[in-house]
Amino acid sequence: MWTCPECGRTFKKQNQSHYCGKAPETVEDYILAQPEAAQQHLRAIRNAVHEVLPDVEERISWSMPAFWKKHNIIQFAGFKNHASLYPGPEAVREFSERLTGYRTSKGTIQFPYSSPVPSDLIADIARWCYETGEEHP
C-alpha cells in the first residue's frame, strides 16, 4: 500500500496516478489542471467527441471528464505518459482490430502522449457508444 504525501489517499500501487485535492468542476478545469503535454491530447479527445456528438453534455464524473446524454456515453482522463479513453469493454471488443497499436484493458484504451491522437478512431468509438445506448463506465 502507498499513501500519497499530498492528499493522504491510500492506493495499492506505489506512486499511483490520481487527482489530489478538490475535484474539478468543469472539463476545462480538469484539462487545465493537467501538465501541458497532456492538455493537447485531452483537448483533441474532447474535440473528437464533440465533432460527432455536438449535443452531448460535458460533466465531471469520478473526477474525470464525461460525456452524457441520458446516460454516461464515454469518459477520458490524463495520466503521466498517456491519455485514457473509457468507452467500456464492449467498445474495446468492437474496435479491437483498429486498436492493435494501443494498450487496452477491460473497457480502457491508452493513447500515449508520444503519438498523435487518433481523432477519427475516437470519434467512431464515441459515436458507437452513443448509438448502442448502453451506459459506459
Protein backbone atom coordinates (compact mmCIF):
# COMPACT_ATOMS: atom_id res chain seq x y z
CA MET A 1 0.00 0.00 0.00
CA TRP A 2 1.12 3.52 -0.78
CA THR A 3 -0.19 6.76 0.72
CA CYS A 4 0.03 9.95 -1.31
CA PRO A 5 2.02 12.51 0.71
CA GLU A 6 -0.04 15.38 -0.77
CA CYS A 7 -3.65 14.25 -0.28
CA GLY A 8 -3.33 11.31 2.12
CA ARG A 9 -5.26 8.84 -0.05
CA THR A 10 -4.09 5.21 0.03
CA PHE A 11 -3.52 3.07 -3.09
CA LYS A 12 -2.40 -0.46 -3.89
CA LYS A 13 0.27 0.70 -6.37
CA GLN A 14 3.33 2.75 -5.44
CA ASN A 15 3.03 6.31 -6.84
CA GLN A 16 -0.46 5.57 -8.21
CA SER A 17 -1.58 8.28 -10.61
CA HIS A 18 -4.57 10.13 -9.18
CA TYR A 19 -6.09 13.54 -8.69
CA CYS A 20 -5.14 15.28 -5.45
CA GLY A 21 -7.32 17.93 -3.96
CA LYS A 22 -10.74 19.24 -4.84
CA ALA A 23 -12.37 17.59 -7.83
CA PRO A 24 -12.56 19.82 -10.90
CA GLU A 25 -15.95 21.40 -11.54
CA THR A 26 -15.74 21.53 -15.35
CA VAL A 27 -13.98 19.65 -18.11
CA GLU A 28 -11.93 22.75 -18.85
CA ASP A 29 -10.85 22.92 -15.17
CA TYR A 30 -9.78 19.28 -15.41
CA ILE A 31 -7.74 19.87 -18.57
CA LEU A 32 -6.07 22.99 -17.18
CA ALA A 33 -5.03 21.07 -14.04
CA GLN A 34 -3.05 18.58 -16.18
CA PRO A 35 0.56 19.00 -17.35
CA GLU A 36 0.89 20.98 -20.56
CA ALA A 37 1.95 17.90 -22.54
CA ALA A 38 -1.30 16.18 -21.58
CA GLN A 39 -3.53 19.16 -22.32
CA GLN A 40 -3.12 18.90 -26.11
CA HIS A 41 -4.14 15.24 -26.13
CA LEU A 42 -7.08 15.82 -23.79
CA ARG A 43 -8.37 18.71 -25.89
CA ALA A 44 -8.01 16.60 -29.05
CA ILE A 45 -10.06 13.80 -27.45
CA ARG A 46 -12.67 16.29 -26.30
CA ASN A 47 -12.88 17.85 -29.77
CA ALA A 48 -13.14 14.46 -31.49
CA VAL A 49 -16.15 13.55 -29.36
CA HIS A 50 -17.84 16.92 -29.92
CA GLU A 51 -17.30 16.59 -33.69
CA VAL A 52 -19.64 13.60 -33.84
CA LEU A 53 -21.79 14.29 -30.77
CA PRO A 54 -22.20 18.07 -30.63
CA ASP A 55 -25.27 17.96 -28.38
CA VAL A 56 -23.84 15.87 -25.55
CA GLU A 57 -23.39 17.37 -22.11
CA GLU A 58 -19.97 17.55 -20.51
CA ARG A 59 -19.76 16.53 -16.86
CA ILE A 60 -17.20 15.56 -14.30
CA SER A 61 -17.85 12.02 -13.10
CA TRP A 62 -15.47 10.12 -10.81
CA SER A 63 -13.23 13.24 -11.07
CA MET A 64 -12.88 12.67 -14.84
CA PRO A 65 -14.42 14.33 -17.89
CA ALA A 66 -17.51 12.52 -19.11
CA PHE A 67 -19.96 12.98 -21.94
CA TRP A 68 -23.66 12.46 -21.15
CA LYS A 69 -26.96 12.32 -22.96
CA LYS A 70 -29.44 10.49 -20.73
CA HIS A 71 -26.53 8.24 -19.68
CA ASN A 72 -22.75 8.21 -19.46
CA ILE A 73 -21.55 7.77 -23.04
CA ILE A 74 -17.77 7.91 -22.67
CA GLN A 75 -15.09 9.28 -20.31
CA PHE A 76 -11.44 10.24 -20.61
CA ALA A 77 -8.56 11.13 -18.32
CA GLY A 78 -4.93 12.20 -18.37
CA PHE A 79 -2.07 10.26 -16.81
CA LYS A 80 1.70 10.62 -16.65
CA ASN A 81 2.51 9.18 -20.10
CA HIS A 82 -0.86 8.73 -21.79
CA ALA A 83 -4.48 9.75 -22.02
CA SER A 84 -7.06 7.06 -21.37
CA LEU A 85 -10.43 6.70 -23.02
CA TYR A 86 -13.13 4.77 -21.16
CA PRO A 87 -15.71 3.55 -23.68
CA GLY A 88 -16.49 0.28 -21.88
CA PRO A 89 -15.49 -3.33 -22.62
CA GLU A 90 -18.00 -3.79 -25.45
CA ALA A 91 -16.45 -0.91 -27.41
CA VAL A 92 -12.93 -2.23 -26.87
CA ARG A 93 -14.06 -5.58 -28.30
CA GLU A 94 -15.96 -3.92 -31.17
CA PHE A 95 -12.93 -1.83 -32.24
CA SER A 96 -10.23 -4.39 -31.38
CA GLU A 97 -8.90 -4.57 -34.95
CA ARG A 98 -8.36 -0.80 -35.03
CA LEU A 99 -6.80 -0.76 -31.55
CA THR A 100 -3.86 -3.08 -32.23
CA GLY A 101 -1.33 -0.27 -31.82
CA TYR A 102 -2.68 0.82 -28.44
CA ARG A 103 -2.61 -0.64 -24.97
CA THR A 104 -6.08 -1.72 -23.89
CA SER A 105 -7.64 -3.36 -20.88
CA LYS A 106 -11.21 -4.10 -19.92
CA GLY A 107 -13.05 -1.01 -21.10
CA THR A 108 -9.98 1.24 -21.39
CA ILE A 109 -7.79 2.45 -24.27
CA GLN A 110 -4.48 4.25 -23.70
CA PHE A 111 -3.20 6.87 -26.15
CA PRO A 112 0.47 7.71 -25.45
CA TYR A 113 1.47 11.37 -25.49
CA SER A 114 4.38 10.41 -27.75
CA SER A 115 1.96 9.63 -30.63
CA PRO A 116 -0.65 11.73 -32.42
CA VAL A 117 -4.22 11.49 -31.18
CA PRO A 118 -6.28 9.22 -33.49
CA SER A 119 -9.22 11.64 -33.68
CA ASP A 120 -11.12 9.65 -36.32
CA LEU A 121 -10.91 6.48 -34.24
CA ILE A 122 -12.01 8.30 -31.09
CA ALA A 123 -14.91 9.88 -32.96
CA ASP A 124 -16.01 6.48 -34.29
CA ILE A 125 -15.83 4.94 -30.81
CA ALA A 126 -17.80 7.82 -29.27
CA ARG A 127 -20.47 7.57 -31.98
CA TRP A 128 -20.71 3.79 -31.46
CA CYS A 129 -21.05 4.23 -27.68
CA TYR A 130 -23.82 6.76 -28.17
CA GLU A 131 -25.66 4.68 -30.76
CA THR A 132 -25.57 1.49 -28.72
CA GLY A 133 -27.40 3.34 -25.96
CA GLU A 134 -25.66 1.37 -23.22
CA GLU A 135 -24.23 3.13 -20.23
CA HIS A 136 -20.45 3.00 -20.28
CA PRO A 137 -18.44 3.46 -17.11
